[in-house]
Amino acid sequence: MTFGKRLRFLRKRRNLTQKDLADRFNVGESTIGMYERDEREPSFEFVKQLADFFNVTTDYLLGRTDDPNPPESDNEELGTLARINQLIKEYGIEQMGFFDIEKWKHLSEEEIEEIIKHFEWVVHKAKEKNRSNKE
């Protein structure tokens, strides 16, 4: 995947318009459009800023790897996020339409309740972890 396609994918995943992203980095909207169409190449500094903003590696943005956060990363949090991303791919969650809100409209009340219980468990675990980190 090209830099432009990766940038477009990441921008859309965050529900940002080209204008939103351009404003965030104080560049022209047309500049973002040219990057996304691979008509222009960004500076190394801008690639680093985008990688930080989207929480991915520069290698991912440049198409050198398909893993946005390789597990061998020194940053433990990034390794954990990479593992979650790997599980999403392994279990085919993306292909199941998990992130497609339109598909959620067809779930039964019982299915929705089950998903809510799982989310509540994740939130509970996150709160526990936050409490233990403060102590």
N, C-alpha and C. Protein backbone atom coordinates (compact mmCIF):
# COMPACT_ATOMS: atom_id res chain seq x y z
N MET A 1 0.85 -1.18 0.00
CA MET A 1 0.00 0.00 0.00
C MET A 1 0.89 1.23 0.00
N THR A 2 0.54 2.21 -0.78
CA THR A 2 1.35 3.44 -0.89
C THR A 2 1.15 4.34 0.32
N PHE A 3 2.06 5.30 0.46
CA PHE A 3 1.94 6.28 1.53
C PHE A 3 0.58 6.97 1.46
N GLY A 4 0.19 7.40 0.26
CA GLY A 4 -1.07 8.12 0.09
C GLY A 4 -2.27 7.31 0.53
N LYS A 5 -2.28 6.04 0.17
CA LYS A 5 -3.41 5.17 0.57
C LYS A 5 -3.42 4.96 2.08
N ARG A 6 -2.23 4.80 2.67
CA ARG A 6 -2.17 4.64 4.13
C ARG A 6 -2.67 5.90 4.83
N LEU A 7 -2.23 7.05 4.33
CA LEU A 7 -2.65 8.31 4.94
C LEU A 7 -4.17 8.45 4.86
N ARG A 8 -4.73 8.18 3.70
CA ARG A 8 -6.18 8.26 3.52
C ARG A 8 -6.91 7.30 4.46
N PHE A 9 -6.41 6.06 4.56
CA PHE A 9 -7.01 5.06 5.44
C PHE A 9 -7.01 5.53 6.89
N LEU A 10 -5.86 6.01 7.35
CA LEU A 10 -5.74 6.46 8.74
C LEU A 10 -6.62 7.68 9.00
N ARG A 11 -6.66 8.60 8.05
CA ARG A 11 -7.49 9.80 8.22
C ARG A 11 -8.96 9.42 8.33
N LYS A 12 -9.41 8.56 7.43
CA LYS A 12 -10.82 8.16 7.44
C LYS A 12 -11.17 7.36 8.68
N ARG A 13 -10.21 6.54 9.14
CA ARG A 13 -10.46 5.75 10.35
C ARG A 13 -10.70 6.65 11.55
N ARG A 14 -10.11 7.82 11.54
CA ARG A 14 -10.32 8.81 12.61
C ARG A 14 -11.50 9.73 12.32
N ASN A 15 -12.21 9.46 11.22
CA ASN A 15 -13.35 10.30 10.81
C ASN A 15 -12.96 11.75 10.61
N LEU A 16 -11.80 11.96 10.00
CA LEU A 16 -11.33 13.30 9.71
C LEU A 16 -11.47 13.59 8.22
N THR A 17 -11.77 14.83 7.91
CA THR A 17 -11.77 15.25 6.51
C THR A 17 -10.34 15.67 6.16
N GLN A 18 -10.09 15.87 4.87
CA GLN A 18 -8.78 16.38 4.48
C GLN A 18 -8.55 17.74 5.11
N LYS A 19 -9.60 18.54 5.18
CA LYS A 19 -9.49 19.87 5.79
C LYS A 19 -9.14 19.76 7.27
N ASP A 20 -9.78 18.82 7.99
CA ASP A 20 -9.47 18.62 9.41
C ASP A 20 -7.98 18.33 9.61
N LEU A 21 -7.48 17.41 8.80
CA LEU A 21 -6.07 17.03 8.93
C LEU A 21 -5.15 18.18 8.53
N ALA A 22 -5.52 18.87 7.47
CA ALA A 22 -4.72 20.02 7.02
C ALA A 22 -4.66 21.09 8.11
N ASP A 23 -5.80 21.38 8.72
CA ASP A 23 -5.85 22.38 9.78
C ASP A 23 -5.00 21.95 10.98
N ARG A 24 -5.04 20.67 11.30
CA ARG A 24 -4.29 20.14 12.45
C ARG A 24 -2.79 20.38 12.27
N PHE A 25 -2.32 20.28 11.02
CA PHE A 25 -0.89 20.41 10.76
C PHE A 25 -0.51 21.72 10.05
N ASN A 26 -1.50 22.60 9.95
CA ASN A 26 -1.26 23.92 9.37
C ASN A 26 -0.69 23.83 7.95
N VAL A 27 -1.31 22.96 7.15
CA VAL A 27 -0.95 22.85 5.72
C VAL A 27 -2.24 23.01 4.92
N GLY A 28 -2.10 23.17 3.65
CA GLY A 28 -3.28 23.33 2.80
C GLY A 28 -4.03 22.02 2.60
N GLU A 29 -5.33 22.13 2.46
CA GLU A 29 -6.16 20.96 2.19
C GLU A 29 -5.71 20.27 0.90
N SER A 30 -5.32 21.06 -0.09
CA SER A 30 -4.87 20.49 -1.36
C SER A 30 -3.57 19.69 -1.17
N THR A 31 -2.76 20.11 -0.20
CA THR A 31 -1.53 19.37 0.09
C THR A 31 -1.85 17.96 0.56
N ILE A 32 -2.82 17.86 1.47
CA ILE A 32 -3.24 16.54 1.96
C ILE A 32 -3.78 15.72 0.79
N GLY A 33 -4.58 16.34 -0.05
CA GLY A 33 -5.12 15.65 -1.21
C GLY A 33 -4.03 15.12 -2.13
N MET A 34 -3.00 15.94 -2.36
CA MET A 34 -1.89 15.50 -3.22
C MET A 34 -1.11 14.36 -2.58
N TYR A 35 -0.93 14.41 -1.25
CA TYR A 35 -0.27 13.30 -0.56
C TYR A 35 -1.09 12.02 -0.74
N GLU A 36 -2.40 12.13 -0.55
CA GLU A 36 -3.26 10.95 -0.63
C GLU A 36 -3.32 10.37 -2.04
N ARG A 37 -3.14 11.21 -3.04
CA ARG A 37 -3.14 10.73 -4.43
C ARG A 37 -1.73 10.37 -4.89
N ASP A 38 -0.78 10.43 -3.97
CA ASP A 38 0.63 10.14 -4.27
C ASP A 38 1.18 11.04 -5.38
N GLU A 39 0.70 12.28 -5.40
CA GLU A 39 1.18 13.25 -6.37
C GLU A 39 2.29 14.12 -5.79
N ARG A 40 2.49 14.01 -4.48
CA ARG A 40 3.48 14.81 -3.78
C ARG A 40 3.99 14.00 -2.61
N GLU A 41 5.27 14.16 -2.27
CA GLU A 41 5.85 13.44 -1.14
C GLU A 41 6.09 14.40 0.02
N PRO A 42 5.73 13.97 1.23
CA PRO A 42 5.94 14.84 2.40
C PRO A 42 7.40 14.82 2.84
N SER A 43 7.75 15.78 3.65
CA SER A 43 9.09 15.81 4.24
C SER A 43 9.20 14.71 5.28
N PHE A 44 10.43 14.36 5.63
CA PHE A 44 10.64 13.36 6.68
C PHE A 44 10.01 13.82 7.98
N GLU A 45 10.15 15.10 8.27
CA GLU A 45 9.59 15.64 9.52
C GLU A 45 8.07 15.49 9.54
N PHE A 46 7.42 15.75 8.42
CA PHE A 46 5.96 15.63 8.37
C PHE A 46 5.53 14.17 8.52
N VAL A 47 6.29 13.26 7.93
CA VAL A 47 5.98 11.83 8.09
C VAL A 47 6.07 11.45 9.56
N LYS A 48 7.08 11.95 10.26
CA LYS A 48 7.21 11.65 11.70
C LYS A 48 6.03 12.23 12.48
N GLN A 49 5.63 13.45 12.14
CA GLN A 49 4.50 14.08 12.83
C GLN A 49 3.21 13.28 12.60
N LEU A 50 3.00 12.83 11.38
CA LEU A 50 1.81 12.03 11.08
C LEU A 50 1.85 10.70 11.83
N ALA A 51 3.01 10.07 11.88
CA ALA A 51 3.15 8.80 12.59
C ALA A 51 2.79 8.98 14.07
N ASP A 52 3.28 10.06 14.67
CA ASP A 52 2.95 10.33 16.07
C ASP A 52 1.46 10.59 16.24
N PHE A 53 0.90 11.37 15.35
CA PHE A 53 -0.52 11.72 15.43
C PHE A 53 -1.41 10.48 15.32
N PHE A 54 -1.09 9.59 14.38
CA PHE A 54 -1.91 8.40 14.16
C PHE A 54 -1.46 7.20 15.00
N ASN A 55 -0.42 7.40 15.80
CA ASN A 55 0.10 6.36 16.68
C ASN A 55 0.51 5.11 15.88
N VAL A 56 1.25 5.33 14.80
CA VAL A 56 1.79 4.25 13.99
C VAL A 56 3.28 4.53 13.77
N THR A 57 3.99 3.57 13.20
CA THR A 57 5.39 3.80 12.89
C THR A 57 5.52 4.48 11.54
N THR A 58 6.66 5.12 11.33
CA THR A 58 6.92 5.72 10.03
C THR A 58 7.03 4.62 8.97
N ASP A 59 7.57 3.46 9.36
CA ASP A 59 7.66 2.34 8.42
C ASP A 59 6.27 1.93 7.93
N TYR A 60 5.30 1.95 8.82
CA TYR A 60 3.92 1.62 8.41
C TYR A 60 3.40 2.66 7.42
N LEU A 61 3.59 3.92 7.74
CA LEU A 61 3.13 4.99 6.86
C LEU A 61 3.77 4.90 5.47
N LEU A 62 5.04 4.53 5.44
CA LEU A 62 5.78 4.48 4.18
C LEU A 62 5.60 3.16 3.44
N GLY A 63 4.81 2.25 4.01
CA GLY A 63 4.53 0.99 3.33
C GLY A 63 5.60 -0.07 3.47
N ARG A 64 6.53 0.14 4.41
CA ARG A 64 7.60 -0.84 4.61
C ARG A 64 7.15 -2.02 5.45
N THR A 65 6.04 -1.87 6.16
CA THR A 65 5.46 -2.95 6.96
C THR A 65 3.95 -2.77 6.98
N ASP A 66 3.24 -3.88 7.17
CA ASP A 66 1.79 -3.80 7.29
C ASP A 66 1.35 -3.74 8.75
N ASP A 67 2.31 -3.82 9.65
CA ASP A 67 2.02 -3.77 11.08
C ASP A 67 2.23 -2.34 11.57
N PRO A 68 1.16 -1.66 11.99
CA PRO A 68 1.31 -0.26 12.41
C PRO A 68 2.21 -0.08 13.63
N ASN A 69 2.30 -1.10 14.48
CA ASN A 69 3.12 -1.04 15.69
C ASN A 69 3.75 -2.40 15.91
N PRO A 70 4.93 -2.65 15.36
CA PRO A 70 5.55 -3.97 15.49
C PRO A 70 5.77 -4.37 16.94
N PRO A 71 5.55 -5.65 17.29
CA PRO A 71 5.69 -6.11 18.66
C PRO A 71 7.10 -5.93 19.23
N GLU A 72 8.12 -5.92 18.38
CA GLU A 72 9.48 -5.76 18.89
C GLU A 72 9.78 -4.35 19.34
N SER A 73 8.77 -3.50 19.28
CA SER A 73 8.91 -2.12 19.71
C SER A 73 9.35 -2.06 21.16
N ASP A 74 10.20 -1.09 21.49
CA ASP A 74 10.65 -0.90 22.86
C ASP A 74 9.52 -0.38 23.75
N ASN A 75 8.54 0.25 23.14
CA ASN A 75 7.43 0.83 23.88
C ASN A 75 6.41 -0.28 24.19
N GLU A 76 6.25 -0.59 25.47
CA GLU A 76 5.37 -1.68 25.88
C GLU A 76 3.93 -1.43 25.45
N GLU A 77 3.46 -0.18 25.54
CA GLU A 77 2.09 0.13 25.13
C GLU A 77 1.88 -0.15 23.65
N LEU A 78 2.85 0.23 22.82
CA LEU A 78 2.72 -0.01 21.39
C LEU A 78 2.71 -1.50 21.11
N GLY A 79 3.51 -2.27 21.83
CA GLY A 79 3.51 -3.71 21.67
C GLY A 79 2.15 -4.31 22.01
N THR A 80 1.52 -3.80 23.05
CA THR A 80 0.20 -4.26 23.45
C THR A 80 -0.83 -3.91 22.38
N LEU A 81 -0.77 -2.70 21.86
CA LEU A 81 -1.70 -2.30 20.81
C LEU A 81 -1.49 -3.15 19.56
N ALA A 82 -0.24 -3.45 19.27
CA ALA A 82 0.05 -4.30 18.11
C ALA A 82 -0.55 -5.70 18.31
N ARG A 83 -0.46 -6.19 19.52
CA ARG A 83 -1.03 -7.52 19.83
C ARG A 83 -2.55 -7.49 19.66
N ILE A 84 -3.20 -6.44 20.12
CA ILE A 84 -4.65 -6.31 19.95
C ILE A 84 -4.98 -6.26 18.46
N ASN A 85 -4.22 -5.46 17.72
CA ASN A 85 -4.42 -5.37 16.27
C ASN A 85 -4.25 -6.74 15.61
N GLN A 86 -3.24 -7.48 16.07
CA GLN A 86 -2.99 -8.83 15.53
C GLN A 86 -4.19 -9.74 15.82
N LEU A 87 -4.73 -9.66 17.02
CA LEU A 87 -5.89 -10.49 17.37
C LEU A 87 -7.10 -10.12 16.53
N ILE A 88 -7.30 -8.84 16.28
CA ILE A 88 -8.41 -8.40 15.44
C ILE A 88 -8.29 -9.04 14.06
N LYS A 89 -7.06 -9.07 13.54
CA LYS A 89 -6.84 -9.69 12.23
C LYS A 89 -7.00 -11.21 12.30
N GLU A 90 -6.41 -11.83 13.34
CA GLU A 90 -6.47 -13.29 13.48
C GLU A 90 -7.90 -13.81 13.57
N TYR A 91 -8.72 -13.12 14.33
CA TYR A 91 -10.10 -13.56 14.51
C TYR A 91 -11.03 -13.05 13.42
N GLY A 92 -10.49 -12.28 12.50
CA GLY A 92 -11.30 -11.79 11.38
C GLY A 92 -12.35 -10.78 11.80
N ILE A 93 -12.08 -10.05 12.87
CA ILE A 93 -13.07 -9.11 13.40
C ILE A 93 -13.37 -8.01 12.38
N GLU A 94 -12.34 -7.54 11.67
CA GLU A 94 -12.57 -6.51 10.66
C GLU A 94 -13.52 -7.02 9.57
N GLN A 95 -13.28 -8.27 9.11
CA GLN A 95 -14.11 -8.82 8.04
C GLN A 95 -15.54 -9.10 8.51
N MET A 96 -15.72 -9.28 9.81
CA MET A 96 -17.07 -9.53 10.35
C MET A 96 -17.91 -8.27 10.39
N GLY A 97 -17.28 -7.14 10.13
CA GLY A 97 -18.03 -5.90 10.16
C GLY A 97 -18.15 -5.30 11.54
N PHE A 98 -17.27 -5.71 12.45
CA PHE A 98 -17.34 -5.22 13.82
C PHE A 98 -17.26 -3.71 13.90
N PHE A 99 -16.47 -3.10 13.01
CA PHE A 99 -16.29 -1.65 13.04
C PHE A 99 -17.24 -0.93 12.09
N ASP A 100 -18.17 -1.66 11.50
CA ASP A 100 -19.14 -1.08 10.58
C ASP A 100 -20.46 -0.90 11.33
N ILE A 101 -20.74 0.32 11.75
CA ILE A 101 -21.92 0.62 12.56
C ILE A 101 -23.21 0.19 11.86
N GLU A 102 -23.24 0.27 10.54
CA GLU A 102 -24.45 -0.13 9.80
C GLU A 102 -24.82 -1.58 10.10
N LYS A 103 -23.82 -2.44 10.24
CA LYS A 103 -24.08 -3.85 10.50
C LYS A 103 -24.62 -4.08 11.92
N TRP A 104 -24.31 -3.16 12.81
CA TRP A 104 -24.78 -3.28 14.19
C TRP A 104 -26.31 -3.09 14.26
N LYS A 105 -26.86 -2.38 13.30
CA LYS A 105 -28.30 -2.10 13.32
C LYS A 105 -29.13 -3.38 13.20
N HIS A 106 -28.51 -4.46 12.72
CA HIS A 106 -29.23 -5.70 12.51
C HIS A 106 -29.06 -6.70 13.66
N LEU A 107 -28.41 -6.27 14.73
CA LEU A 107 -28.23 -7.16 15.88
C LEU A 107 -29.49 -7.21 16.72
N SER A 108 -29.69 -8.37 17.33
CA SER A 108 -30.83 -8.52 18.24
C SER A 108 -30.51 -7.83 19.56
N GLU A 109 -31.54 -7.63 20.38
CA GLU A 109 -31.35 -7.03 21.71
C GLU A 109 -30.40 -7.87 22.54
N GLU A 110 -30.53 -9.20 22.45
CA GLU A 110 -29.65 -10.09 23.23
C GLU A 110 -28.20 -9.95 22.79
N GLU A 111 -27.98 -9.84 21.49
CA GLU A 111 -26.61 -9.69 20.99
C GLU A 111 -26.01 -8.36 21.45
N ILE A 112 -26.82 -7.32 21.43
CA ILE A 112 -26.36 -6.00 21.88
C ILE A 112 -26.02 -6.05 23.37
N GLU A 113 -26.88 -6.68 24.16
CA GLU A 113 -26.64 -6.80 25.61
C GLU A 113 -25.34 -7.55 25.88
N GLU A 114 -25.08 -8.60 25.12
CA GLU A 114 -23.85 -9.37 25.29
C GLU A 114 -22.62 -8.52 24.98
N ILE A 115 -22.69 -7.74 23.92
CA ILE A 115 -21.58 -6.86 23.57
C ILE A 115 -21.38 -5.81 24.65
N ILE A 116 -22.46 -5.25 25.17
CA ILE A 116 -22.37 -4.25 26.25
C ILE A 116 -21.68 -4.85 27.47
N LYS A 117 -22.02 -6.08 27.81
CA LYS A 117 -21.39 -6.75 28.97
C LYS A 117 -19.88 -6.87 28.76
N HIS A 118 -19.48 -7.20 27.55
CA HIS A 118 -18.05 -7.32 27.27
C HIS A 118 -17.36 -5.96 27.36
N PHE A 119 -17.99 -4.93 26.83
CA PHE A 119 -17.41 -3.59 26.92
C PHE A 119 -17.31 -3.14 28.38
N GLU A 120 -18.34 -3.44 29.16
CA GLU A 120 -18.31 -3.07 30.57
C GLU A 120 -17.17 -3.78 31.30
N TRP A 121 -16.92 -5.03 30.92
CA TRP A 121 -15.81 -5.78 31.52
C TRP A 121 -14.48 -5.11 31.17
N VAL A 122 -14.32 -4.71 29.92
CA VAL A 122 -13.08 -4.05 29.48
C VAL A 122 -12.90 -2.74 30.24
N VAL A 123 -13.97 -1.96 30.38
CA VAL A 123 -13.89 -0.70 31.12
C VAL A 123 -13.52 -0.97 32.58
N HIS A 124 -14.14 -1.98 33.19
CA HIS A 124 -13.84 -2.35 34.58
C HIS A 124 -12.36 -2.68 34.73
N LYS A 125 -11.82 -3.47 33.81
CA LYS A 125 -10.41 -3.85 33.87
C LYS A 125 -9.51 -2.63 33.69
N ALA A 126 -9.88 -1.73 32.81
CA ALA A 126 -9.10 -0.52 32.59
C ALA A 126 -9.08 0.34 33.85
N LYS A 127 -10.25 0.46 34.51
CA LYS A 127 -10.31 1.24 35.75
C LYS A 127 -9.46 0.61 36.84
N GLU A 128 -9.49 -0.73 36.94
CA GLU A 128 -8.65 -1.43 37.91
C GLU A 128 -7.18 -1.13 37.66
N LYS A 129 -6.79 -1.20 36.40
CA LYS A 129 -5.39 -0.95 36.04
C LYS A 129 -5.01 0.49 36.38
N ASN A 130 -5.90 1.44 36.09
CA ASN A 130 -5.62 2.84 36.40
C ASN A 130 -5.46 3.06 37.90
N ARG A 131 -6.31 2.39 38.68
CA ARG A 131 -6.20 2.51 40.13
C ARG A 131 -4.87 1.95 40.63
N SER A 132 -4.48 0.79 40.11
CA SER A 132 -3.23 0.17 40.57
C SER A 132 -2.01 0.98 40.12
N ASN A 133 -2.11 1.68 38.99
CA ASN A 133 -1.00 2.51 38.53
C ASN A 133 -0.82 3.75 39.40
N LYS A 134 -1.91 4.23 40.02
CA LYS A 134 -1.85 5.43 40.86
C LYS A 134 -1.25 5.11 42.24
N GLU A 135 -1.33 3.86 42.64
CA GLU A 135 -0.86 3.48 43.98
C GLU A 135 0.61 3.30 44.05
